[in-house]
């Protein structure tokens, strides 16, 4: 490893454009902390209904791109729907299911 690579003390760290960032200045291209998105049960049910109504090739892909979702979301949400976890309760999906599961396990 040459000088300027890695996060070793005494070596400069390079920001955008390959230039060393001045000390104490954060790299503007880095996000401080990524936030995981969460979706309500109503939203998931609505998207699943739209996806189920898709008939033309590429229509589901178009829906996913418009909503900023991935096919894995649909897969997981379909499993939740099958398991009964997408009942509308105003809370985030999964939260009500885990609470109900905790109540059952207590007695």
Foldseek 3Di string as FASTA:
>chain_A
DDAQDDDDPPGFDAAPPRHGDPPPDDRPVDDPDDDDDFDALVVLVVLLVVCVPDDDPCPNVVSCVVVVHDVVSNVVSVVCVVVVQSDHDPDTGPPVVVVVVVVVVVD
